[in-house]
Amino acid sequence: MSQTERLVMLAEDQLAEYSTDARKIEKLRQKIALSVSPAQQKQVKQEIAETLPDNFFDKILLEQRQAVSLPFWGIAGLGLLFGISFTQPVDFLATGFGGAIAILIQKRGWKLQAKNLVMQALTDIEERTQAAKTASD
């Protein structure tokens, strides 16, 4: 497992906790600062910056992944409801497709949020390091 993958997994763990973004970044920053050298931090930041997409859909997904996937959860629910109430097995296809698309959207958004959290933590570490250097000069 590469250092980048490990840090993204740490960020996913932080996303699972209920706290503010600032608290998540602070906890992640401490873990990164203790376990990753400054040279590796720059390398990881560069790798993540290259992999973060910059298109319209991913920007919306990064900010509102729940809202983007909600219509597909609705389609899945309606397919299930109509399939049961009208005894139409074809309606269960909507349940399968809607649920699968919603899960894919949620997973992609989760990964994007984790990568964004790592980027914010690495930027915070850089800023604090620069501030400490200028204060000591």
N, C-alpha and C. Protein backbone atom coordinates (compact mmCIF):
# COMPACT_ATOMS: atom_id res chain seq x y z
N MET A 1 0.85 -1.17 0.00
CA MET A 1 0.00 0.00 0.00
C MET A 1 0.89 1.23 0.00
N SER A 2 0.62 2.15 -0.91
CA SER A 2 1.43 3.35 -1.00
C SER A 2 1.06 4.33 0.12
N GLN A 3 1.92 5.29 0.30
CA GLN A 3 1.71 6.31 1.33
C GLN A 3 0.44 7.11 1.03
N THR A 4 0.19 7.37 -0.23
CA THR A 4 -1.00 8.13 -0.61
C THR A 4 -2.27 7.36 -0.26
N GLU A 5 -2.30 6.08 -0.59
CA GLU A 5 -3.47 5.26 -0.27
C GLU A 5 -3.69 5.18 1.23
N ARG A 6 -2.60 5.08 1.99
CA ARG A 6 -2.71 4.99 3.44
C ARG A 6 -3.29 6.28 4.02
N LEU A 7 -2.86 7.42 3.50
CA LEU A 7 -3.36 8.70 3.99
C LEU A 7 -4.83 8.91 3.60
N VAL A 8 -5.20 8.46 2.42
CA VAL A 8 -6.61 8.56 2.01
C VAL A 8 -7.48 7.68 2.91
N MET A 9 -6.97 6.50 3.28
CA MET A 9 -7.72 5.64 4.20
C MET A 9 -7.84 6.28 5.58
N LEU A 10 -6.80 6.96 6.04
CA LEU A 10 -6.88 7.69 7.30
C LEU A 10 -7.95 8.78 7.22
N ALA A 11 -7.99 9.47 6.08
CA ALA A 11 -8.99 10.52 5.90
C ALA A 11 -10.40 9.94 5.86
N GLU A 12 -10.56 8.77 5.25
CA GLU A 12 -11.88 8.12 5.23
C GLU A 12 -12.32 7.78 6.64
N ASP A 13 -11.39 7.35 7.47
CA ASP A 13 -11.72 7.08 8.87
C ASP A 13 -12.19 8.35 9.57
N GLN A 14 -11.55 9.46 9.26
CA GLN A 14 -11.95 10.73 9.86
C GLN A 14 -13.32 11.18 9.36
N LEU A 15 -13.61 10.88 8.10
CA LEU A 15 -14.92 11.25 7.55
C LEU A 15 -16.05 10.48 8.24
N ALA A 16 -15.75 9.29 8.70
CA ALA A 16 -16.78 8.46 9.35
C ALA A 16 -17.15 9.00 10.73
N GLU A 17 -16.28 9.82 11.31
CA GLU A 17 -16.57 10.38 12.63
C GLU A 17 -17.42 11.64 12.49
N TYR A 18 -18.28 11.85 13.47
CA TYR A 18 -19.14 13.02 13.45
C TYR A 18 -18.41 14.16 14.15
N SER A 19 -17.86 15.08 13.36
CA SER A 19 -17.20 16.27 13.91
C SER A 19 -17.10 17.30 12.80
N THR A 20 -16.62 18.48 13.15
CA THR A 20 -16.49 19.53 12.15
C THR A 20 -15.32 19.24 11.23
N ASP A 21 -15.32 19.91 10.08
CA ASP A 21 -14.22 19.72 9.14
C ASP A 21 -12.89 20.18 9.74
N ALA A 22 -12.94 21.26 10.51
CA ALA A 22 -11.71 21.75 11.13
C ALA A 22 -11.14 20.72 12.11
N ARG A 23 -11.98 20.07 12.85
CA ARG A 23 -11.52 19.04 13.79
C ARG A 23 -10.97 17.83 13.05
N LYS A 24 -11.63 17.45 11.96
CA LYS A 24 -11.14 16.33 11.16
C LYS A 24 -9.76 16.64 10.59
N ILE A 25 -9.59 17.86 10.08
CA ILE A 25 -8.30 18.26 9.52
C ILE A 25 -7.24 18.28 10.61
N GLU A 26 -7.57 18.77 11.79
CA GLU A 26 -6.61 18.83 12.89
C GLU A 26 -6.16 17.43 13.30
N LYS A 27 -7.09 16.51 13.43
CA LYS A 27 -6.72 15.14 13.80
C LYS A 27 -5.88 14.48 12.72
N LEU A 28 -6.26 14.69 11.47
CA LEU A 28 -5.51 14.11 10.36
C LEU A 28 -4.13 14.75 10.25
N ARG A 29 -4.05 16.04 10.48
CA ARG A 29 -2.77 16.75 10.42
C ARG A 29 -1.79 16.18 11.43
N GLN A 30 -2.25 15.91 12.62
CA GLN A 30 -1.39 15.34 13.65
C GLN A 30 -0.88 13.96 13.24
N LYS A 31 -1.76 13.14 12.69
CA LYS A 31 -1.36 11.80 12.27
C LYS A 31 -0.35 11.85 11.12
N ILE A 32 -0.58 12.75 10.19
CA ILE A 32 0.33 12.87 9.05
C ILE A 32 1.68 13.39 9.50
N ALA A 33 1.69 14.41 10.34
CA ALA A 33 2.94 15.00 10.77
C ALA A 33 3.81 14.00 11.53
N LEU A 34 3.20 13.10 12.26
CA LEU A 34 3.96 12.12 13.03
C LEU A 34 4.46 10.94 12.18
N SER A 35 3.74 10.60 11.13
CA SER A 35 4.07 9.37 10.43
C SER A 35 4.67 9.55 9.03
N VAL A 36 4.64 10.75 8.48
CA VAL A 36 5.09 10.97 7.11
C VAL A 36 6.14 12.08 7.11
N SER A 37 7.26 11.82 6.46
CA SER A 37 8.33 12.81 6.38
C SER A 37 7.90 13.97 5.48
N PRO A 38 8.53 15.14 5.65
CA PRO A 38 8.16 16.29 4.81
C PRO A 38 8.35 16.04 3.31
N ALA A 39 9.37 15.30 2.93
CA ALA A 39 9.57 15.00 1.51
C ALA A 39 8.43 14.13 0.98
N GLN A 40 8.03 13.14 1.78
CA GLN A 40 6.92 12.27 1.36
C GLN A 40 5.61 13.06 1.34
N GLN A 41 5.47 14.02 2.25
CA GLN A 41 4.26 14.84 2.26
C GLN A 41 4.11 15.61 0.96
N LYS A 42 5.22 16.18 0.47
CA LYS A 42 5.16 16.91 -0.79
C LYS A 42 4.84 15.97 -1.95
N GLN A 43 5.40 14.78 -1.92
CA GLN A 43 5.14 13.80 -2.97
C GLN A 43 3.67 13.36 -2.95
N VAL A 44 3.14 13.11 -1.77
CA VAL A 44 1.73 12.70 -1.64
C VAL A 44 0.82 13.82 -2.10
N LYS A 45 1.14 15.04 -1.72
CA LYS A 45 0.32 16.19 -2.13
C LYS A 45 0.31 16.32 -3.65
N GLN A 46 1.46 16.13 -4.27
CA GLN A 46 1.54 16.21 -5.72
C GLN A 46 0.74 15.09 -6.38
N GLU A 47 0.82 13.87 -5.84
CA GLU A 47 0.06 12.75 -6.39
C GLU A 47 -1.44 12.98 -6.29
N ILE A 48 -1.87 13.47 -5.15
CA ILE A 48 -3.31 13.71 -4.96
C ILE A 48 -3.79 14.86 -5.84
N ALA A 49 -2.96 15.90 -5.97
CA ALA A 49 -3.34 17.02 -6.82
C ALA A 49 -3.51 16.57 -8.27
N GLU A 50 -2.70 15.63 -8.70
CA GLU A 50 -2.81 15.12 -10.07
C GLU A 50 -4.05 14.26 -10.26
N THR A 51 -4.45 13.55 -9.21
CA THR A 51 -5.60 12.65 -9.35
C THR A 51 -6.94 13.31 -9.06
N LEU A 52 -6.94 14.47 -8.41
CA LEU A 52 -8.21 15.14 -8.14
C LEU A 52 -8.77 15.69 -9.45
N PRO A 53 -9.95 15.27 -9.84
CA PRO A 53 -10.54 15.76 -11.08
C PRO A 53 -11.00 17.20 -10.92
N ASP A 54 -11.06 17.89 -12.04
CA ASP A 54 -11.42 19.30 -12.00
C ASP A 54 -12.60 19.58 -12.93
N ASN A 55 -13.56 18.65 -12.97
CA ASN A 55 -14.72 18.89 -13.83
C ASN A 55 -15.93 19.30 -12.99
N PHE A 56 -16.96 19.73 -13.67
CA PHE A 56 -18.15 20.27 -13.01
C PHE A 56 -18.84 19.24 -12.13
N PHE A 57 -19.02 18.03 -12.65
CA PHE A 57 -19.73 16.99 -11.90
C PHE A 57 -19.01 16.63 -10.60
N ASP A 58 -17.69 16.49 -10.68
CA ASP A 58 -16.94 16.12 -9.48
C ASP A 58 -16.90 17.23 -8.44
N LYS A 59 -16.94 18.47 -8.89
CA LYS A 59 -17.01 19.59 -7.93
C LYS A 59 -18.33 19.54 -7.16
N ILE A 60 -19.41 19.29 -7.89
CA ILE A 60 -20.72 19.17 -7.22
C ILE A 60 -20.73 17.95 -6.31
N LEU A 61 -20.17 16.86 -6.79
CA LEU A 61 -20.12 15.62 -6.01
C LEU A 61 -19.31 15.80 -4.74
N LEU A 62 -18.24 16.57 -4.82
CA LEU A 62 -17.40 16.83 -3.65
C LEU A 62 -18.17 17.61 -2.58
N GLU A 63 -18.98 18.54 -3.02
CA GLU A 63 -19.71 19.38 -2.07
C GLU A 63 -21.04 18.75 -1.61
N GLN A 64 -21.73 18.06 -2.51
CA GLN A 64 -23.09 17.60 -2.22
C GLN A 64 -23.33 16.17 -2.68
N ARG A 65 -22.52 15.23 -2.23
CA ARG A 65 -22.69 13.86 -2.73
C ARG A 65 -24.01 13.25 -2.31
N GLN A 66 -24.51 13.61 -1.15
CA GLN A 66 -25.79 13.07 -0.70
C GLN A 66 -26.93 13.56 -1.60
N ALA A 67 -26.90 14.84 -1.94
CA ALA A 67 -27.96 15.40 -2.78
C ALA A 67 -27.91 14.84 -4.20
N VAL A 68 -26.71 14.55 -4.70
CA VAL A 68 -26.58 14.00 -6.05
C VAL A 68 -27.12 12.57 -6.10
N SER A 69 -26.89 11.80 -5.06
CA SER A 69 -27.33 10.40 -5.08
C SER A 69 -28.79 10.23 -4.65
N LEU A 70 -29.37 11.22 -4.04
CA LEU A 70 -30.74 11.10 -3.54
C LEU A 70 -31.77 10.72 -4.60
N PRO A 71 -31.76 11.31 -5.80
CA PRO A 71 -32.76 10.88 -6.80
C PRO A 71 -32.65 9.39 -7.17
N PHE A 72 -31.44 8.87 -7.16
CA PHE A 72 -31.26 7.46 -7.51
C PHE A 72 -31.74 6.55 -6.38
N TRP A 73 -31.59 7.00 -5.13
CA TRP A 73 -32.18 6.24 -4.01
C TRP A 73 -33.70 6.25 -4.14
N GLY A 74 -34.25 7.39 -4.60
CA GLY A 74 -35.70 7.48 -4.80
C GLY A 74 -36.18 6.54 -5.90
N ILE A 75 -35.41 6.46 -6.99
CA ILE A 75 -35.76 5.54 -8.07
C ILE A 75 -35.74 4.11 -7.56
N ALA A 76 -34.72 3.78 -6.77
CA ALA A 76 -34.63 2.42 -6.22
C ALA A 76 -35.82 2.12 -5.31
N GLY A 77 -36.19 3.08 -4.49
CA GLY A 77 -37.32 2.89 -3.59
C GLY A 77 -38.64 2.76 -4.33
N LEU A 78 -38.84 3.60 -5.34
CA LEU A 78 -40.08 3.51 -6.12
C LEU A 78 -40.15 2.20 -6.90
N GLY A 79 -39.01 1.75 -7.43
CA GLY A 79 -39.00 0.47 -8.12
C GLY A 79 -39.39 -0.66 -7.20
N LEU A 80 -38.90 -0.60 -5.97
CA LEU A 80 -39.24 -1.62 -4.99
C LEU A 80 -40.72 -1.54 -4.63
N LEU A 81 -41.20 -0.33 -4.41
CA LEU A 81 -42.62 -0.14 -4.05
C LEU A 81 -43.54 -0.62 -5.17
N PHE A 82 -43.27 -0.19 -6.39
CA PHE A 82 -44.14 -0.59 -7.51
C PHE A 82 -43.99 -2.08 -7.81
N GLY A 83 -42.81 -2.61 -7.65
CA GLY A 83 -42.61 -4.04 -7.90
C GLY A 83 -43.40 -4.89 -6.93
N ILE A 84 -43.47 -4.46 -5.69
CA ILE A 84 -44.22 -5.22 -4.69
C ILE A 84 -45.72 -4.99 -4.84
N SER A 85 -46.14 -3.73 -4.98
CA SER A 85 -47.57 -3.43 -4.97
C SER A 85 -48.28 -3.86 -6.25
N PHE A 86 -47.61 -3.75 -7.39
CA PHE A 86 -48.25 -4.13 -8.64
C PHE A 86 -47.82 -5.51 -9.12
N THR A 87 -47.05 -6.19 -8.33
CA THR A 87 -46.49 -7.51 -8.67
C THR A 87 -45.90 -7.53 -10.08
N GLN A 88 -45.11 -6.51 -10.35
CA GLN A 88 -44.44 -6.39 -11.64
C GLN A 88 -42.94 -6.62 -11.43
N PRO A 89 -42.45 -7.78 -11.79
CA PRO A 89 -41.03 -8.07 -11.58
C PRO A 89 -40.10 -7.13 -12.35
N VAL A 90 -40.58 -6.55 -13.44
CA VAL A 90 -39.75 -5.64 -14.23
C VAL A 90 -39.40 -4.38 -13.41
N ASP A 91 -40.30 -3.98 -12.52
CA ASP A 91 -40.04 -2.80 -11.70
C ASP A 91 -38.86 -3.01 -10.76
N PHE A 92 -38.53 -4.23 -10.46
CA PHE A 92 -37.39 -4.49 -9.58
C PHE A 92 -36.07 -4.14 -10.27
N LEU A 93 -36.08 -4.05 -11.60
CA LEU A 93 -34.88 -3.60 -12.31
C LEU A 93 -34.53 -2.17 -11.93
N ALA A 94 -35.55 -1.34 -11.77
CA ALA A 94 -35.32 0.05 -11.35
C ALA A 94 -34.67 0.07 -9.97
N THR A 95 -35.08 -0.84 -9.11
CA THR A 95 -34.47 -0.93 -7.78
C THR A 95 -32.99 -1.26 -7.89
N GLY A 96 -32.67 -2.23 -8.71
CA GLY A 96 -31.28 -2.63 -8.88
C GLY A 96 -30.44 -1.54 -9.49
N PHE A 97 -30.91 -0.95 -10.58
CA PHE A 97 -30.14 0.09 -11.26
C PHE A 97 -30.03 1.35 -10.42
N GLY A 98 -31.12 1.79 -9.85
CA GLY A 98 -31.10 3.00 -9.02
C GLY A 98 -30.20 2.84 -7.81
N GLY A 99 -30.29 1.70 -7.14
CA GLY A 99 -29.44 1.45 -5.97
C GLY A 99 -27.97 1.36 -6.34
N ALA A 100 -27.68 0.70 -7.45
CA ALA A 100 -26.28 0.56 -7.88
C ALA A 100 -25.68 1.92 -8.24
N ILE A 101 -26.42 2.73 -8.97
CA ILE A 101 -25.91 4.06 -9.34
C ILE A 101 -25.73 4.92 -8.10
N ALA A 102 -26.67 4.87 -7.18
CA ALA A 102 -26.55 5.65 -5.95
C ALA A 102 -25.33 5.23 -5.14
N ILE A 103 -25.08 3.95 -5.06
CA ILE A 103 -23.91 3.46 -4.31
C ILE A 103 -22.62 3.90 -4.99
N LEU A 104 -22.57 3.82 -6.32
CA LEU A 104 -21.37 4.27 -7.04
C LEU A 104 -21.11 5.76 -6.83
N ILE A 105 -22.17 6.55 -6.85
CA ILE A 105 -22.02 7.99 -6.62
C ILE A 105 -21.51 8.24 -5.21
N GLN A 106 -22.08 7.54 -4.22
CA GLN A 106 -21.65 7.71 -2.83
C GLN A 106 -20.19 7.34 -2.65
N LYS A 107 -19.75 6.22 -3.26
CA LYS A 107 -18.36 5.79 -3.14
C LYS A 107 -17.41 6.80 -3.77
N ARG A 108 -17.76 7.28 -4.95
CA ARG A 108 -16.90 8.26 -5.63
C ARG A 108 -16.82 9.55 -4.82
N GLY A 109 -17.94 10.01 -4.32
CA GLY A 109 -17.95 11.23 -3.50
C GLY A 109 -17.15 11.06 -2.22
N TRP A 110 -17.24 9.88 -1.62
CA TRP A 110 -16.51 9.59 -0.38
C TRP A 110 -15.01 9.67 -0.63
N LYS A 111 -14.55 9.06 -1.74
CA LYS A 111 -13.12 9.10 -2.09
C LYS A 111 -12.67 10.53 -2.36
N LEU A 112 -13.50 11.28 -3.09
CA LEU A 112 -13.14 12.67 -3.39
C LEU A 112 -13.04 13.50 -2.11
N GLN A 113 -13.97 13.29 -1.19
CA GLN A 113 -13.93 14.03 0.07
C GLN A 113 -12.70 13.65 0.88
N ALA A 114 -12.33 12.38 0.89
CA ALA A 114 -11.16 11.94 1.63
C ALA A 114 -9.89 12.55 1.03
N LYS A 115 -9.78 12.55 -0.28
CA LYS A 115 -8.61 13.15 -0.93
C LYS A 115 -8.55 14.65 -0.66
N ASN A 116 -9.68 15.29 -0.69
CA ASN A 116 -9.73 16.72 -0.41
C ASN A 116 -9.31 17.00 1.04
N LEU A 117 -9.73 16.15 1.95
CA LEU A 117 -9.36 16.30 3.36
C LEU A 117 -7.85 16.15 3.55
N VAL A 118 -7.24 15.19 2.85
CA VAL A 118 -5.79 15.01 2.92
C VAL A 118 -5.09 16.24 2.37
N MET A 119 -5.58 16.77 1.25
CA MET A 119 -4.98 17.97 0.66
C MET A 119 -5.06 19.15 1.62
N GLN A 120 -6.19 19.31 2.29
CA GLN A 120 -6.33 20.40 3.24
C GLN A 120 -5.38 20.23 4.42
N ALA A 121 -5.23 19.00 4.89
CA ALA A 121 -4.33 18.74 6.01
C ALA A 121 -2.88 18.99 5.61
N LEU A 122 -2.49 18.55 4.42
CA LEU A 122 -1.13 18.77 3.96
C LEU A 122 -0.85 20.26 3.74
N THR A 123 -1.81 20.98 3.22
CA THR A 123 -1.67 22.43 3.06
C THR A 123 -1.53 23.11 4.41
N ASP A 124 -2.30 22.67 5.39
CA ASP A 124 -2.21 23.21 6.74
C ASP A 124 -0.83 22.95 7.35
N ILE A 125 -0.30 21.76 7.13
CA ILE A 125 1.04 21.43 7.63
C ILE A 125 2.08 22.34 6.98
N GLU A 126 1.97 22.53 5.67
CA GLU A 126 2.90 23.41 4.96
C GLU A 126 2.85 24.83 5.49
N GLU A 127 1.63 25.35 5.68
CA GLU A 127 1.48 26.71 6.18
C GLU A 127 2.06 26.86 7.58
N ARG A 128 1.84 25.89 8.43
CA ARG A 128 2.38 25.96 9.78
C ARG A 128 3.90 25.86 9.79
N THR A 129 4.44 25.04 8.89
CA THR A 129 5.89 24.92 8.79
C THR A 129 6.50 26.23 8.30
N GLN A 130 5.89 26.85 7.30
CA GLN A 130 6.38 28.13 6.79
C GLN A 130 6.27 29.22 7.85
N ALA A 131 5.18 29.23 8.61
CA ALA A 131 5.02 30.20 9.66
C ALA A 131 6.06 30.01 10.76
N ALA A 132 6.37 28.76 11.08
CA ALA A 132 7.38 28.49 12.10
C ALA A 132 8.77 28.93 11.62
N LYS A 133 9.06 28.73 10.34
CA LYS A 133 10.36 29.15 9.79
C LYS A 133 10.51 30.66 9.79
N THR A 134 9.43 31.37 9.41
CA THR A 134 9.51 32.83 9.38
C THR A 134 9.56 33.39 10.80
N ALA A 135 8.93 32.73 11.74
CA ALA A 135 8.95 33.21 13.13
C ALA A 135 10.33 33.00 13.76
N SER A 136 11.03 31.95 13.35
CA SER A 136 12.34 31.68 13.92
C SER A 136 13.43 32.53 13.27
N ASP A 137 13.15 33.08 12.09
CA ASP A 137 14.14 33.92 11.40
C ASP A 137 14.17 35.28 11.97
